Amino acid sequence: MLDQANKEASTTKAAKRQKFVELAESRTVNAIKAIRIIGKLGNKNAYQFDDSDVQKIVRALNREVEALKARMSSTGAKESVEFKLD
């Protein structure tokens, strides 16, 4: 009876791990692509911006990375996403 419960727990753990790996890889690739797209805004021939705009974008992204670290290290609550240049 105990062996069966341990086997099921192990299988569930493996399935959860596989799902985590699958989603983490996919979502991380998507996040990297999104950051690269934001980086394309750096084309001064196509867009008008100043250093304060860049700093605001970088601060917002850094805040989210810090929130990610906090959620991954403990059971943090979901936070809303807000960002405005003005």
PDB file of N, CA and C in Angstrom:
ATOM      1  N   MET A   1       0.825  -1.198   0.000  1.00  0.00           N
ATOM      2  CA  MET A   1       0.000   0.000   0.000  1.00  0.00           C
ATOM      3  C   MET A   1       0.866   1.258   0.000  1.00  0.00           C
ATOM      4  N   LEU A   2       1.861   1.290   0.871  1.00  0.00           N
ATOM      5  CA  LEU A   2       2.771   2.435   0.915  1.00  0.00           C
ATOM      6  C   LEU A   2       3.569   2.558  -0.367  1.00  0.00           C
ATOM      7  N   ASP A   3       4.002   1.438  -0.918  1.00  0.00           N
ATOM      8  CA  ASP A   3       4.765   1.463  -2.169  1.00  0.00           C
ATOM      9  C   ASP A   3       3.935   2.071  -3.294  1.00  0.00           C
ATOM     10  N   GLN A   4       2.667   1.736  -3.346  1.00  0.00           N
ATOM     11  CA  GLN A   4       1.780   2.284  -4.377  1.00  0.00           C
ATOM     12  C   GLN A   4       1.645   3.798  -4.212  1.00  0.00           C
ATOM     13  N   ALA A   5       1.481   4.273  -2.988  1.00  0.00           N
ATOM     14  CA  ALA A   5       1.352   5.709  -2.730  1.00  0.00           C
ATOM     15  C   ALA A   5       2.643   6.433  -3.096  1.00  0.00           C
ATOM     16  N   ASN A   6       3.787   5.861  -2.768  1.00  0.00           N
ATOM     17  CA  ASN A   6       5.070   6.469  -3.115  1.00  0.00           C
ATOM     18  C   ASN A   6       5.270   6.521  -4.621  1.00  0.00           C
ATOM     19  N   LYS A   7       4.835   5.463  -5.296  1.00  0.00           N
ATOM     20  CA  LYS A   7       4.959   5.395  -6.755  1.00  0.00           C
ATOM     21  C   LYS A   7       4.111   6.480  -7.415  1.00  0.00           C
ATOM     22  N   GLU A   8       2.876   6.650  -6.925  1.00  0.00           N
ATOM     23  CA  GLU A   8       1.983   7.669  -7.472  1.00  0.00           C
ATOM     24  C   GLU A   8       2.519   9.069  -7.195  1.00  0.00           C
ATOM     25  N   ALA A   9       3.055   9.279  -6.004  1.00  0.00           N
ATOM     26  CA  ALA A   9       3.627  10.582  -5.659  1.00  0.00           C
ATOM     27  C   ALA A   9       4.827  10.884  -6.536  1.00  0.00           C
ATOM     28  N   SER A  10       5.630   9.883  -6.801  1.00  0.00           N
ATOM     29  CA  SER A  10       6.797  10.046  -7.648  1.00  0.00           C
ATOM     30  C   SER A  10       6.395  10.370  -9.081  1.00  0.00           C
ATOM     31  N   THR A  11       5.365   9.691  -9.569  1.00  0.00           N
ATOM     32  CA  THR A  11       4.866   9.933 -10.920  1.00  0.00           C
ATOM     33  C   THR A  11       4.300  11.351 -11.027  1.00  0.00           C
ATOM     34  N   THR A  12       3.559  11.768 -10.031  1.00  0.00           N
ATOM     35  CA  THR A  12       2.996  13.110 -10.014  1.00  0.00           C
ATOM     36  C   THR A  12       4.108  14.151  -9.985  1.00  0.00           C
ATOM     37  N   LYS A  13       5.125  13.907  -9.189  1.00  0.00           N
ATOM     38  CA  LYS A  13       6.263  14.819  -9.110  1.00  0.00           C
ATOM     39  C   LYS A  13       6.954  14.937 -10.463  1.00  0.00           C
ATOM     40  N   ALA A  14       7.155  13.813 -11.125  1.00  0.00           N
ATOM     41  CA  ALA A  14       7.814  13.805 -12.436  1.00  0.00           C
ATOM     42  C   ALA A  14       6.970  14.556 -13.463  1.00  0.00           C
ATOM     43  N   ALA A  15       5.666  14.377 -13.413  1.00  0.00           N
ATOM     44  CA  ALA A  15       4.774  15.064 -14.355  1.00  0.00           C
ATOM     45  C   ALA A  15       4.788  16.567 -14.106  1.00  0.00           C
ATOM     46  N   LYS A  16       4.781  16.957 -12.832  1.00  0.00           N
ATOM     47  CA  LYS A  16       4.832  18.380 -12.500  1.00  0.00           C
ATOM     48  C   LYS A  16       6.153  18.992 -12.950  1.00  0.00           C
ATOM     49  N   ARG A  17       7.236  18.248 -12.770  1.00  0.00           N
ATOM     50  CA  ARG A  17       8.550  18.731 -13.198  1.00  0.00           C
ATOM     51  C   ARG A  17       8.587  18.911 -14.711  1.00  0.00           C
ATOM     52  N   GLN A  18       8.074  17.927 -15.436  1.00  0.00           N
ATOM     53  CA  GLN A  18       8.056  17.991 -16.895  1.00  0.00           C
ATOM     54  C   GLN A  18       7.239  19.186 -17.367  1.00  0.00           C
ATOM     55  N   LYS A  19       6.094  19.408 -16.746  1.00  0.00           N
ATOM     56  CA  LYS A  19       5.243  20.539 -17.124  1.00  0.00           C
ATOM     57  C   LYS A  19       5.963  21.856 -16.835  1.00  0.00           C
ATOM     58  N   PHE A  20       6.644  21.935 -15.689  1.00  0.00           N
ATOM     59  CA  PHE A  20       7.402  23.143 -15.343  1.00  0.00           C
ATOM     60  C   PHE A  20       8.470  23.419 -16.388  1.00  0.00           C
ATOM     61  N   VAL A  21       9.247  22.404 -16.732  1.00  0.00           N
ATOM     62  CA  VAL A  21      10.330  22.563 -17.703  1.00  0.00           C
ATOM     63  C   VAL A  21       9.763  23.035 -19.038  1.00  0.00           C
ATOM     64  N   GLU A  22       8.702  22.413 -19.482  1.00  0.00           N
ATOM     65  CA  GLU A  22       8.069  22.750 -20.762  1.00  0.00           C
ATOM     66  C   GLU A  22       7.621  24.216 -20.770  1.00  0.00           C
ATOM     67  N   LEU A  23       6.887  24.615 -19.726  1.00  0.00           N
ATOM     68  CA  LEU A  23       6.380  25.980 -19.667  1.00  0.00           C
ATOM     69  C   LEU A  23       7.495  26.997 -19.438  1.00  0.00           C
ATOM     70  N   ALA A  24       8.458  26.678 -18.578  1.00  0.00           N
ATOM     71  CA  ALA A  24       9.553  27.610 -18.287  1.00  0.00           C
ATOM     72  C   ALA A  24      10.366  27.894 -19.540  1.00  0.00           C
ATOM     73  N   GLU A  25      10.674  26.861 -20.306  1.00  0.00           N
ATOM     74  CA  GLU A  25      11.442  27.062 -21.536  1.00  0.00           C
ATOM     75  C   GLU A  25      10.668  27.919 -22.527  1.00  0.00           C
ATOM     76  N   SER A  26       9.413  27.594 -22.743  1.00  0.00           N
ATOM     77  CA  SER A  26       8.579  28.319 -23.695  1.00  0.00           C
ATOM     78  C   SER A  26       8.403  29.781 -23.287  1.00  0.00           C
ATOM     79  N   ARG A  27       8.073  30.006 -22.025  1.00  0.00           N
ATOM     80  CA  ARG A  27       7.817  31.369 -21.555  1.00  0.00           C
ATOM     81  C   ARG A  27       9.091  32.200 -21.504  1.00  0.00           C
ATOM     82  N   THR A  28      10.203  31.580 -21.177  1.00  0.00           N
ATOM     83  CA  THR A  28      11.473  32.312 -21.144  1.00  0.00           C
ATOM     84  C   THR A  28      11.878  32.733 -22.552  1.00  0.00           C
ATOM     85  N   VAL A  29      11.714  31.848 -23.510  1.00  0.00           N
ATOM     86  CA  VAL A  29      12.007  32.202 -24.908  1.00  0.00           C
ATOM     87  C   VAL A  29      11.108  33.362 -25.343  1.00  0.00           C
ATOM     88  N   ASN A  30       9.827  33.313 -24.998  1.00  0.00           N
ATOM     89  CA  ASN A  30       8.907  34.397 -25.354  1.00  0.00           C
ATOM     90  C   ASN A  30       9.304  35.708 -24.694  1.00  0.00           C
ATOM     91  N   ALA A  31       9.726  35.670 -23.440  1.00  0.00           N
ATOM     92  CA  ALA A  31      10.152  36.879 -22.736  1.00  0.00           C
ATOM     93  C   ALA A  31      11.396  37.471 -23.379  1.00  0.00           C
ATOM     94  N   ILE A  32      12.344  36.628 -23.750  1.00  0.00           N
ATOM     95  CA  ILE A  32      13.564  37.101 -24.410  1.00  0.00           C
ATOM     96  C   ILE A  32      13.217  37.756 -25.743  1.00  0.00           C
ATOM     97  N   LYS A  33      12.332  37.138 -26.493  1.00  0.00           N
ATOM     98  CA  LYS A  33      11.913  37.724 -27.771  1.00  0.00           C
ATOM     99  C   LYS A  33      11.253  39.086 -27.549  1.00  0.00           C
ATOM    100  N   ALA A  34      10.411  39.191 -26.530  1.00  0.00           N
ATOM    101  CA  ALA A  34       9.727  40.455 -26.242  1.00  0.00           C
ATOM    102  C   ALA A  34      10.735  41.539 -25.858  1.00  0.00           C
ATOM    103  N   ILE A  35      11.742  41.184 -25.071  1.00  0.00           N
ATOM    104  CA  ILE A  35      12.773  42.156 -24.696  1.00  0.00           C
ATOM    105  C   ILE A  35      13.543  42.609 -25.931  1.00  0.00           C
ATOM    106  N   ARG A  36      13.838  41.690 -26.826  1.00  0.00           N
ATOM    107  CA  ARG A  36      14.532  42.055 -28.067  1.00  0.00           C
ATOM    108  C   ARG A  36      13.683  42.994 -28.916  1.00  0.00           C
ATOM    109  N   ILE A  37      12.379  42.794 -28.925  1.00  0.00           N
ATOM    110  CA  ILE A  37      11.486  43.677 -29.677  1.00  0.00           C
ATOM    111  C   ILE A  37      11.492  45.076 -29.066  1.00  0.00           C
ATOM    112  N   ILE A  38      11.478  45.146 -27.740  1.00  0.00           N
ATOM    113  CA  ILE A  38      11.586  46.441 -27.072  1.00  0.00           C
ATOM    114  C   ILE A  38      12.900  47.111 -27.460  1.00  0.00           C
ATOM    115  N   GLY A  39      13.970  46.337 -27.542  1.00  0.00           N
ATOM    116  CA  GLY A  39      15.272  46.862 -27.916  1.00  0.00           C
ATOM    117  C   GLY A  39      15.281  47.500 -29.292  1.00  0.00           C
ATOM    118  N   LYS A  40      14.413  47.047 -30.173  1.00  0.00           N
ATOM    119  CA  LYS A  40      14.331  47.626 -31.513  1.00  0.00           C
ATOM    120  C   LYS A  40      13.831  49.064 -31.477  1.00  0.00           C
ATOM    121  N   LEU A  41      13.228  49.472 -30.365  1.00  0.00           N
ATOM    122  CA  LEU A  41      12.811  50.863 -30.211  1.00  0.00           C
ATOM    123  C   LEU A  41      14.017  51.802 -30.110  1.00  0.00           C
ATOM    124  N   GLY A  42      15.200  51.243 -29.962  1.00  0.00           N
ATOM    125  CA  GLY A  42      16.420  52.039 -29.865  1.00  0.00           C
ATOM    126  C   GLY A  42      16.856  52.655 -31.180  1.00  0.00           C
ATOM    127  N   ASN A  43      16.151  52.401 -32.260  1.00  0.00           N
ATOM    128  CA  ASN A  43      16.477  52.967 -33.563  1.00  0.00           C
ATOM    129  C   ASN A  43      16.090  54.446 -33.571  1.00  0.00           C
ATOM    130  N   LYS A  44      17.079  55.323 -33.395  1.00  0.00           N
ATOM    131  CA  LYS A  44      16.808  56.766 -33.319  1.00  0.00           C
ATOM    132  C   LYS A  44      16.358  57.344 -34.654  1.00  0.00           C
ATOM    133  N   ASN A  45      16.580  56.638 -35.744  1.00  0.00           N
ATOM    134  CA  ASN A  45      16.086  57.116 -37.038  1.00  0.00           C
ATOM    135  C   ASN A  45      14.574  56.931 -37.163  1.00  0.00           C
ATOM    136  N   ALA A  46      14.019  56.001 -36.402  1.00  0.00           N
ATOM    137  CA  ALA A  46      12.594  55.711 -36.496  1.00  0.00           C
ATOM    138  C   ALA A  46      11.781  56.259 -35.323  1.00  0.00           C
ATOM    139  N   TYR A  47      12.418  56.482 -34.185  1.00  0.00           N
ATOM    140  CA  TYR A  47      11.698  56.862 -32.967  1.00  0.00           C
ATOM    141  C   TYR A  47      12.369  58.027 -32.263  1.00  0.00           C
ATOM    142  N   GLN A  48      11.573  58.791 -31.549  1.00  0.00           N
ATOM    143  CA  GLN A  48      12.078  59.906 -30.737  1.00  0.00           C
ATOM    144  C   GLN A  48      11.920  59.522 -29.264  1.00  0.00           C
ATOM    145  N   PHE A  49      13.015  59.498 -28.543  1.00  0.00           N
ATOM    146  CA  PHE A  49      12.996  59.183 -27.119  1.00  0.00           C
ATOM    147  C   PHE A  49      14.230  59.798 -26.471  1.00  0.00           C
ATOM    148  N   ASP A  50      14.212  59.869 -25.144  1.00  0.00           N
ATOM    149  CA  ASP A  50      15.389  60.374 -24.442  1.00  0.00           C
ATOM    150  C   ASP A  50      15.820  59.378 -23.372  1.00  0.00           C
ATOM    151  N   ASP A  51      16.900  59.711 -22.687  1.00  0.00           N
ATOM    152  CA  ASP A  51      17.458  58.795 -21.689  1.00  0.00           C
ATOM    153  C   ASP A  51      16.477  58.480 -20.562  1.00  0.00           C
ATOM    154  N   SER A  52      15.629  59.440 -20.203  1.00  0.00           N
ATOM    155  CA  SER A  52      14.681  59.177 -19.111  1.00  0.00           C
ATOM    156  C   SER A  52      13.670  58.103 -19.532  1.00  0.00           C
ATOM    157  N   ASP A  53      13.284  58.098 -20.812  1.00  0.00           N
ATOM    158  CA  ASP A  53      12.382  57.052 -21.303  1.00  0.00           C
ATOM    159  C   ASP A  53      13.040  55.684 -21.193  1.00  0.00           C
ATOM    160  N   VAL A  54      14.297  55.618 -21.598  1.00  0.00           N
ATOM    161  CA  VAL A  54      15.049  54.359 -21.544  1.00  0.00           C
ATOM    162  C   VAL A  54      15.171  53.891 -20.094  1.00  0.00           C
ATOM    163  N   GLN A  55      15.488  54.819 -19.191  1.00  0.00           N
ATOM    164  CA  GLN A  55      15.625  54.454 -17.777  1.00  0.00           C
ATOM    165  C   GLN A  55      14.315  53.925 -17.203  1.00  0.00           C
ATOM    166  N   LYS A  56      13.198  54.518 -17.603  1.00  0.00           N
ATOM    167  CA  LYS A  56      11.894  54.053 -17.117  1.00  0.00           C
ATOM    168  C   LYS A  56      11.605  52.627 -17.590  1.00  0.00           C
ATOM    169  N   ILE A  57      11.914  52.363 -18.856  1.00  0.00           N
ATOM    170  CA  ILE A  57      11.692  51.024 -19.399  1.00  0.00           C
ATOM    171  C   ILE A  57      12.563  50.007 -18.665  1.00  0.00           C
ATOM    172  N   VAL A  58      13.842  50.340 -18.498  1.00  0.00           N
ATOM    173  CA  VAL A  58      14.783  49.428 -17.833  1.00  0.00           C
ATOM    174  C   VAL A  58      14.368  49.202 -16.383  1.00  0.00           C
ATOM    175  N   ARG A  59      13.948  50.260 -15.690  1.00  0.00           N
ATOM    176  CA  ARG A  59      13.502  50.105 -14.285  1.00  0.00           C
ATOM    177  C   ARG A  59      12.288  49.187 -14.204  1.00  0.00           C
ATOM    178  N   ALA A  60      11.342  49.359 -15.125  1.00  0.00           N
ATOM    179  CA  ALA A  60      10.135  48.515 -15.116  1.00  0.00           C
ATOM    180  C   ALA A  60      10.503  47.050 -15.347  1.00  0.00           C
ATOM    181  N   LEU A  61      11.389  46.802 -16.295  1.00  0.00           N
ATOM    182  CA  LEU A  61      11.818  45.426 -16.561  1.00  0.00           C
ATOM    183  C   LEU A  61      12.582  44.848 -15.374  1.00  0.00           C
ATOM    184  N   ASN A  62      13.467  45.643 -14.778  1.00  0.00           N
ATOM    185  CA  ASN A  62      14.214  45.177 -13.601  1.00  0.00           C
ATOM    186  C   ASN A  62      13.288  44.870 -12.429  1.00  0.00           C
ATOM    187  N   ARG A  63      12.251  45.696 -12.238  1.00  0.00           N
ATOM    188  CA  ARG A  63      11.276  45.427 -11.161  1.00  0.00           C
ATOM    189  C   ARG A  63      10.612  44.081 -11.369  1.00  0.00           C
ATOM    190  N   GLU A  64      10.260  43.790 -12.602  1.00  0.00           N
ATOM    191  CA  GLU A  64       9.607  42.514 -12.887  1.00  0.00           C
ATOM    192  C   GLU A  64      10.553  41.332 -12.688  1.00  0.00           C
ATOM    193  N   VAL A  65      11.825  41.512 -13.041  1.00  0.00           N
ATOM    194  CA  VAL A  65      12.804  40.444 -12.803  1.00  0.00           C
ATOM    195  C   VAL A  65      12.958  40.216 -11.301  1.00  0.00           C
ATOM    196  N   GLU A  66      13.009  41.289 -10.523  1.00  0.00           N
ATOM    197  CA  GLU A  66      13.107  41.150  -9.059  1.00  0.00           C
ATOM    198  C   GLU A  66      11.856  40.483  -8.493  1.00  0.00           C
ATOM    199  N   ALA A  67      10.687  40.831  -9.016  1.00  0.00           N
ATOM    200  CA  ALA A  67       9.447  40.191  -8.564  1.00  0.00           C
ATOM    201  C   ALA A  67       9.450  38.710  -8.925  1.00  0.00           C
ATOM    202  N   LEU A  68       9.974  38.386 -10.098  1.00  0.00           N
ATOM    203  CA  LEU A  68      10.100  36.986 -10.509  1.00  0.00           C
ATOM    204  C   LEU A  68      10.980  36.220  -9.527  1.00  0.00           C
ATOM    205  N   LYS A  69      12.119  36.795  -9.175  1.00  0.00           N
ATOM    206  CA  LYS A  69      13.022  36.143  -8.215  1.00  0.00           C
ATOM    207  C   LYS A  69      12.313  35.901  -6.890  1.00  0.00           C
ATOM    208  N   ALA A  70      11.564  36.890  -6.435  1.00  0.00           N
ATOM    209  CA  ALA A  70      10.856  36.755  -5.158  1.00  0.00           C
ATOM    210  C   ALA A  70       9.803  35.648  -5.234  1.00  0.00           C
ATOM    211  N   ARG A  71       9.057  35.600  -6.334  1.00  0.00           N
ATOM    212  CA  ARG A  71       8.016  34.566  -6.469  1.00  0.00           C
ATOM    213  C   ARG A  71       8.617  33.179  -6.575  1.00  0.00           C
ATOM    214  N   MET A  72       9.772  33.079  -7.208  1.00  0.00           N
ATOM    215  CA  MET A  72      10.395  31.770  -7.385  1.00  0.00           C
ATOM    216  C   MET A  72      11.047  31.271  -6.088  1.00  0.00           C
ATOM    217  N   SER A  73      11.398  32.189  -5.195  1.00  0.00           N
ATOM    218  CA  SER A  73      12.059  31.766  -3.963  1.00  0.00           C
ATOM    219  C   SER A  73      11.072  31.556  -2.823  1.00  0.00           C
ATOM    220  N   SER A  74       9.864  32.056  -2.953  1.00  0.00           N
ATOM    221  CA  SER A  74       8.853  31.853  -1.918  1.00  0.00           C
ATOM    222  C   SER A  74       7.479  31.909  -2.574  1.00  0.00           C
ATOM    223  N   THR A  75       6.462  31.843  -1.768  1.00  0.00           N
ATOM    224  CA  THR A  75       5.108  31.895  -2.313  1.00  0.00           C
ATOM    225  C   THR A  75       4.633  33.338  -2.320  1.00  0.00           C
ATOM    226  N   GLY A  76       5.043  34.072  -3.314  1.00  0.00           N
ATOM    227  CA  GLY A  76       4.653  35.467  -3.450  1.00  0.00           C
ATOM    228  C   GLY A  76       3.318  35.588  -4.161  1.00  0.00           C
ATOM    229  N   ALA A  77       2.673  36.709  -3.947  1.00  0.00           N
ATOM    230  CA  ALA A  77       1.381  36.949  -4.575  1.00  0.00           C
ATOM    231  C   ALA A  77       1.582  37.509  -5.984  1.00  0.00           C
ATOM    232  N   LYS A  78       0.579  37.355  -6.801  1.00  0.00           N
ATOM    233  CA  LYS A  78       0.627  37.912  -8.149  1.00  0.00           C
ATOM    234  C   LYS A  78       0.518  39.430  -8.061  1.00  0.00           C
ATOM    235  N   GLU A  79       1.283  40.095  -8.901  1.00  0.00           N
ATOM    236  CA  GLU A  79       1.240  41.546  -8.929  1.00  0.00           C
ATOM    237  C   GLU A  79       0.707  41.997 -10.269  1.00  0.00           C
ATOM    238  N   SER A  80       0.038  43.150 -10.261  1.00  0.00           N
ATOM    239  CA  SER A  80      -0.491  43.676 -11.514  1.00  0.00           C
ATOM    240  C   SER A  80       0.648  44.323 -12.313  1.00  0.00           C
ATOM    241  N   VAL A  81       0.459  44.395 -13.609  1.00  0.00           N
ATOM    242  CA  VAL A  81       1.457  44.983 -14.487  1.00  0.00           C
ATOM    243  C   VAL A  81       1.011  46.392 -14.822  1.00  0.00           C
ATOM    244  N   GLU A  82       1.854  47.365 -14.500  1.00  0.00           N
ATOM    245  CA  GLU A  82       1.581  48.749 -14.847  1.00  0.00           C
ATOM    246  C   GLU A  82       2.839  49.353 -15.407  1.00  0.00           C
ATOM    247  N   PHE A  83       2.694  50.085 -16.515  1.00  0.00           N
ATOM    248  CA  PHE A  83       3.826  50.788 -17.075  1.00  0.00           C
ATOM    249  C   PHE A  83       3.339  51.934 -17.931  1.00  0.00           C
ATOM    250  N   LYS A  84       3.867  53.126 -17.667  1.00  0.00           N
ATOM    251  CA  LYS A  84       3.564  54.312 -18.465  1.00  0.00           C
ATOM    252  C   LYS A  84       4.822  55.146 -18.546  1.00  0.00           C
ATOM    253  N   LEU A  85       5.082  55.689 -19.708  1.00  0.00           N
ATOM    254  CA  LEU A  85       6.233  56.587 -19.861  1.00  0.00           C
ATOM    255  C   LEU A  85       5.915  57.976 -19.335  1.00  0.00           C
ATOM    256  N   ASP A  86       4.678  58.396 -19.446  1.00  0.00           N
ATOM    257  CA  ASP A  86       4.306  59.752 -18.980  1.00  0.00           C
ATOM    258  C   ASP A  86       3.585  59.705 -17.672  1.00  0.00           C
TER     259      ASP A  86
END
